[in-house]
């Protein structure tokens, strides 16, 4: 698998790959040994959805710059909300 991904990236001229995150997009990158980063790209209802960037080996600086630029340009990230039934750490400790 790593060889086929690299050969496709090399022959097609790709410097990075990106895809909408679904269960397991990091598996391909992890098995192949390539860097991967996911950033928020919006919501489906109340559920967050991410955009994954993949790159060639040692391309982490480029991926981090791309992810940061996308995050700053879109501002899709929202702080998580705890469910009403969730115990907050301070409340648990102060009991």
N, C-alpha and C. Protein backbone atom coordinates (compact mmCIF):
# COMPACT_ATOMS: atom_id res chain seq x y z
N UNK A 1 0.80 -1.21 0.00
CA UNK A 1 0.00 0.00 0.00
C UNK A 1 0.85 1.27 0.00
N UNK A 2 1.90 1.38 0.85
CA UNK A 2 2.69 2.59 0.81
C UNK A 2 3.26 2.88 -0.57
N UNK A 3 3.74 1.83 -1.25
CA UNK A 3 4.31 2.04 -2.58
C UNK A 3 3.30 2.55 -3.58
N UNK A 4 2.10 2.01 -3.54
CA UNK A 4 1.09 2.44 -4.51
C UNK A 4 0.66 3.88 -4.26
N UNK A 5 0.54 4.28 -2.99
CA UNK A 5 0.15 5.67 -2.70
C UNK A 5 1.25 6.62 -3.16
N UNK A 6 2.50 6.29 -2.86
CA UNK A 6 3.61 7.16 -3.26
C UNK A 6 3.72 7.23 -4.77
N UNK A 7 3.55 6.11 -5.47
CA UNK A 7 3.67 6.14 -6.92
C UNK A 7 2.56 6.98 -7.53
N UNK A 8 1.36 6.91 -6.98
CA UNK A 8 0.27 7.75 -7.50
C UNK A 8 0.56 9.23 -7.26
N UNK A 9 1.08 9.54 -6.05
CA UNK A 9 1.40 10.94 -5.75
C UNK A 9 2.51 11.44 -6.67
N UNK A 10 3.50 10.59 -6.93
CA UNK A 10 4.63 10.99 -7.76
C UNK A 10 4.24 11.13 -9.23
N UNK A 11 3.53 10.15 -9.76
CA UNK A 11 3.19 10.19 -11.19
C UNK A 11 2.14 11.24 -11.51
N UNK A 12 1.28 11.55 -10.54
CA UNK A 12 0.24 12.55 -10.81
C UNK A 12 0.69 13.96 -10.45
N UNK A 13 1.84 14.10 -9.79
CA UNK A 13 2.34 15.41 -9.43
C UNK A 13 1.77 15.96 -8.14
N UNK A 14 1.02 15.15 -7.38
CA UNK A 14 0.46 15.62 -6.11
C UNK A 14 1.56 15.91 -5.12
N UNK A 15 1.40 16.96 -4.37
CA UNK A 15 2.28 17.25 -3.25
C UNK A 15 1.56 16.95 -1.93
N UNK A 16 0.23 16.91 -1.98
CA UNK A 16 -0.56 16.61 -0.79
C UNK A 16 -1.91 16.07 -1.24
N UNK A 17 -2.54 15.31 -0.37
CA UNK A 17 -3.88 14.80 -0.61
C UNK A 17 -4.80 15.36 0.46
N UNK A 18 -6.05 15.53 0.14
CA UNK A 18 -7.01 15.93 1.17
C UNK A 18 -8.32 15.23 0.90
N UNK A 19 -9.09 15.02 1.97
CA UNK A 19 -10.38 14.35 1.84
C UNK A 19 -11.24 14.72 3.02
N UNK A 20 -12.56 14.62 2.86
CA UNK A 20 -13.46 14.79 3.98
C UNK A 20 -13.27 13.60 4.90
N UNK A 21 -13.17 13.87 6.20
CA UNK A 21 -12.92 12.80 7.16
C UNK A 21 -14.15 11.94 7.36
N UNK A 22 -13.94 10.69 7.36
CA UNK A 22 -14.95 9.69 7.69
C UNK A 22 -14.24 8.71 8.61
N UNK A 23 -14.93 7.77 9.19
CA UNK A 23 -14.21 6.85 10.06
C UNK A 23 -13.00 6.21 9.36
N UNK A 24 -11.84 6.41 9.92
CA UNK A 24 -10.65 5.76 9.43
C UNK A 24 -9.78 6.45 8.40
N UNK A 25 -9.92 7.77 8.12
CA UNK A 25 -9.04 8.34 7.09
C UNK A 25 -7.58 8.35 7.51
N UNK A 26 -7.33 8.38 8.81
CA UNK A 26 -5.95 8.39 9.26
C UNK A 26 -5.30 7.02 9.12
N UNK A 27 -6.08 5.98 8.97
CA UNK A 27 -5.53 4.63 8.85
C UNK A 27 -4.65 4.51 7.61
N UNK A 28 -5.10 5.05 6.50
CA UNK A 28 -4.32 4.99 5.26
C UNK A 28 -2.97 5.66 5.45
N UNK A 29 -2.97 6.86 6.02
CA UNK A 29 -1.72 7.58 6.24
C UNK A 29 -0.83 6.85 7.24
N UNK A 30 -1.42 6.32 8.31
CA UNK A 30 -0.62 5.63 9.33
C UNK A 30 0.02 4.37 8.77
N UNK A 31 -0.74 3.60 8.02
CA UNK A 31 -0.20 2.36 7.44
C UNK A 31 0.89 2.69 6.42
N UNK A 32 0.69 3.75 5.65
CA UNK A 32 1.66 4.13 4.63
C UNK A 32 2.86 4.87 5.22
N UNK A 33 2.72 5.40 6.44
CA UNK A 33 3.81 6.14 7.07
C UNK A 33 3.88 7.58 6.64
N UNK A 34 2.76 8.15 6.21
CA UNK A 34 2.73 9.53 5.75
C UNK A 34 2.05 10.43 6.77
N UNK A 35 2.42 11.71 6.81
CA UNK A 35 1.80 12.63 7.75
C UNK A 35 0.34 12.93 7.39
N UNK A 36 -0.44 13.22 8.43
CA UNK A 36 -1.87 13.45 8.29
C UNK A 36 -2.29 14.43 9.36
N UNK A 37 -3.12 15.39 9.02
CA UNK A 37 -3.67 16.34 9.99
C UNK A 37 -5.12 16.61 9.61
N UNK A 38 -5.99 16.73 10.61
CA UNK A 38 -7.40 17.00 10.37
C UNK A 38 -7.79 18.29 11.06
N UNK A 39 -8.56 19.12 10.37
CA UNK A 39 -9.05 20.38 10.93
C UNK A 39 -10.57 20.44 10.79
N UNK A 40 -11.24 21.23 11.64
CA UNK A 40 -12.69 21.35 11.54
C UNK A 40 -13.09 21.98 10.21
N UNK A 41 -14.15 21.41 9.57
CA UNK A 41 -14.64 22.01 8.32
C UNK A 41 -16.14 22.28 8.37
N UNK A 42 -16.74 22.15 9.54
CA UNK A 42 -18.15 22.45 9.66
C UNK A 42 -18.86 21.41 10.50
N UNK A 43 -20.17 21.38 10.36
CA UNK A 43 -21.01 20.50 11.16
C UNK A 43 -22.09 19.87 10.31
N UNK A 44 -22.46 18.67 10.67
CA UNK A 44 -23.64 18.01 10.12
C UNK A 44 -24.58 17.90 11.31
N UNK A 45 -25.58 18.75 11.34
CA UNK A 45 -26.39 18.87 12.54
C UNK A 45 -25.51 19.45 13.63
N UNK A 46 -25.39 18.75 14.75
CA UNK A 46 -24.51 19.19 15.83
C UNK A 46 -23.18 18.44 15.84
N UNK A 47 -22.99 17.52 14.90
CA UNK A 47 -21.77 16.73 14.87
C UNK A 47 -20.68 17.40 14.04
N UNK A 48 -19.48 17.52 14.59
CA UNK A 48 -18.38 18.13 13.84
C UNK A 48 -17.89 17.22 12.71
N UNK A 49 -17.46 17.84 11.62
CA UNK A 49 -16.90 17.13 10.47
C UNK A 49 -15.54 17.74 10.20
N UNK A 50 -14.56 16.90 9.84
CA UNK A 50 -13.21 17.38 9.63
C UNK A 50 -12.73 17.22 8.20
N UNK A 51 -11.74 18.02 7.86
CA UNK A 51 -11.06 17.93 6.56
C UNK A 51 -9.65 17.42 6.85
N UNK A 52 -9.27 16.34 6.20
CA UNK A 52 -7.96 15.74 6.43
C UNK A 52 -7.00 16.10 5.30
N UNK A 53 -5.78 16.47 5.68
CA UNK A 53 -4.70 16.73 4.73
C UNK A 53 -3.66 15.64 4.91
N UNK A 54 -3.23 15.03 3.81
CA UNK A 54 -2.19 14.00 3.81
C UNK A 54 -1.04 14.52 2.96
N UNK A 55 0.17 14.10 3.28
CA UNK A 55 1.30 14.53 2.47
C UNK A 55 2.36 13.46 2.35
N UNK A 56 3.38 13.77 1.60
CA UNK A 56 4.52 12.87 1.48
C UNK A 56 5.30 12.85 2.79
N UNK A 57 6.15 11.85 2.92
CA UNK A 57 6.99 11.78 4.11
C UNK A 57 7.77 13.08 4.28
N UNK A 58 7.87 13.54 5.50
CA UNK A 58 8.61 14.73 5.91
C UNK A 58 7.97 16.03 5.42
N UNK A 59 6.69 16.01 5.05
CA UNK A 59 6.03 17.24 4.58
C UNK A 59 5.21 17.91 5.69
N UNK A 60 5.48 17.56 6.95
CA UNK A 60 4.70 18.11 8.06
C UNK A 60 4.66 19.63 8.08
N UNK A 61 5.77 20.34 7.86
CA UNK A 61 5.69 21.82 7.89
C UNK A 61 4.67 22.38 6.89
N UNK A 62 4.62 21.81 5.70
CA UNK A 62 3.66 22.27 4.69
C UNK A 62 2.23 21.96 5.14
N UNK A 63 2.00 20.75 5.65
CA UNK A 63 0.66 20.38 6.09
C UNK A 63 0.18 21.25 7.25
N UNK A 64 1.07 21.55 8.18
CA UNK A 64 0.70 22.41 9.31
C UNK A 64 0.33 23.80 8.81
N UNK A 65 1.11 24.34 7.87
CA UNK A 65 0.78 25.67 7.32
C UNK A 65 -0.56 25.64 6.60
N UNK A 66 -0.83 24.60 5.80
CA UNK A 66 -2.11 24.47 5.10
C UNK A 66 -3.27 24.36 6.08
N UNK A 67 -3.12 23.50 7.08
CA UNK A 67 -4.18 23.31 8.07
C UNK A 67 -4.46 24.60 8.84
N UNK A 68 -3.40 25.29 9.25
CA UNK A 68 -3.56 26.54 9.98
C UNK A 68 -4.24 27.60 9.10
N UNK A 69 -3.81 27.71 7.86
CA UNK A 69 -4.42 28.70 6.95
C UNK A 69 -5.89 28.39 6.72
N UNK A 70 -6.23 27.13 6.53
CA UNK A 70 -7.63 26.74 6.33
C UNK A 70 -8.46 27.07 7.58
N UNK A 71 -7.91 26.71 8.75
CA UNK A 71 -8.63 26.97 10.01
C UNK A 71 -8.87 28.46 10.22
N UNK A 72 -7.85 29.27 9.95
CA UNK A 72 -7.99 30.72 10.14
C UNK A 72 -8.94 31.34 9.12
N UNK A 73 -8.93 30.84 7.89
CA UNK A 73 -9.79 31.40 6.84
C UNK A 73 -11.25 31.03 7.03
N UNK A 74 -11.53 29.84 7.56
CA UNK A 74 -12.92 29.38 7.66
C UNK A 74 -13.55 29.61 9.02
N UNK A 75 -12.76 29.58 10.07
CA UNK A 75 -13.27 29.75 11.44
C UNK A 75 -14.40 28.77 11.77
N UNK A 76 -14.28 27.52 11.29
CA UNK A 76 -15.31 26.51 11.55
C UNK A 76 -15.26 25.93 12.96
N UNK A 77 -14.16 26.06 13.64
CA UNK A 77 -14.04 25.44 14.96
C UNK A 77 -14.96 26.10 15.97
N UNK A 78 -15.66 25.27 16.74
CA UNK A 78 -16.47 25.73 17.87
C UNK A 78 -16.02 24.96 19.10
N UNK A 79 -15.92 25.63 20.24
CA UNK A 79 -15.56 24.88 21.46
C UNK A 79 -16.60 23.81 21.74
N UNK A 80 -16.18 22.66 22.24
CA UNK A 80 -17.15 21.59 22.52
C UNK A 80 -18.08 21.98 23.67
N UNK A 81 -19.31 21.50 23.59
CA UNK A 81 -20.27 21.71 24.68
C UNK A 81 -20.47 20.38 25.39
N UNK A 82 -20.45 20.43 26.70
CA UNK A 82 -20.70 19.22 27.47
C UNK A 82 -22.19 18.96 27.55
N UNK A 83 -22.57 17.72 27.52
CA UNK A 83 -23.98 17.37 27.70
C UNK A 83 -24.39 17.77 29.12
N UNK A 84 -25.66 18.08 29.30
CA UNK A 84 -26.15 18.51 30.61
C UNK A 84 -25.85 17.47 31.68
N UNK A 85 -25.78 16.21 31.30
CA UNK A 85 -25.52 15.15 32.28
C UNK A 85 -24.04 14.95 32.57
N UNK A 86 -23.16 15.60 31.83
CA UNK A 86 -21.72 15.43 32.04
C UNK A 86 -21.28 16.17 33.29
N UNK A 87 -20.38 15.57 34.04
CA UNK A 87 -19.83 16.19 35.23
C UNK A 87 -18.58 16.96 34.84
N UNK A 88 -18.53 18.19 35.24
CA UNK A 88 -17.34 19.00 34.97
C UNK A 88 -16.27 18.65 35.99
N UNK A 89 -15.01 18.66 35.60
CA UNK A 89 -13.95 18.25 36.52
C UNK A 89 -13.94 19.01 37.84
N UNK A 90 -14.15 20.34 37.84
CA UNK A 90 -14.12 21.13 39.08
C UNK A 90 -15.23 20.70 40.03
N UNK A 91 -16.42 20.43 39.47
CA UNK A 91 -17.54 20.01 40.31
C UNK A 91 -17.25 18.65 40.93
N UNK A 92 -16.60 17.79 40.21
CA UNK A 92 -16.28 16.47 40.71
C UNK A 92 -15.25 16.55 41.83
N UNK A 93 -14.24 17.38 41.63
CA UNK A 93 -13.16 17.52 42.61
C UNK A 93 -13.66 18.17 43.89
N UNK A 94 -14.57 19.17 43.78
CA UNK A 94 -15.05 19.91 44.94
C UNK A 94 -16.09 19.15 45.77
N UNK A 95 -16.47 17.97 45.38
CA UNK A 95 -17.47 17.21 46.15
C UNK A 95 -16.92 16.69 47.42
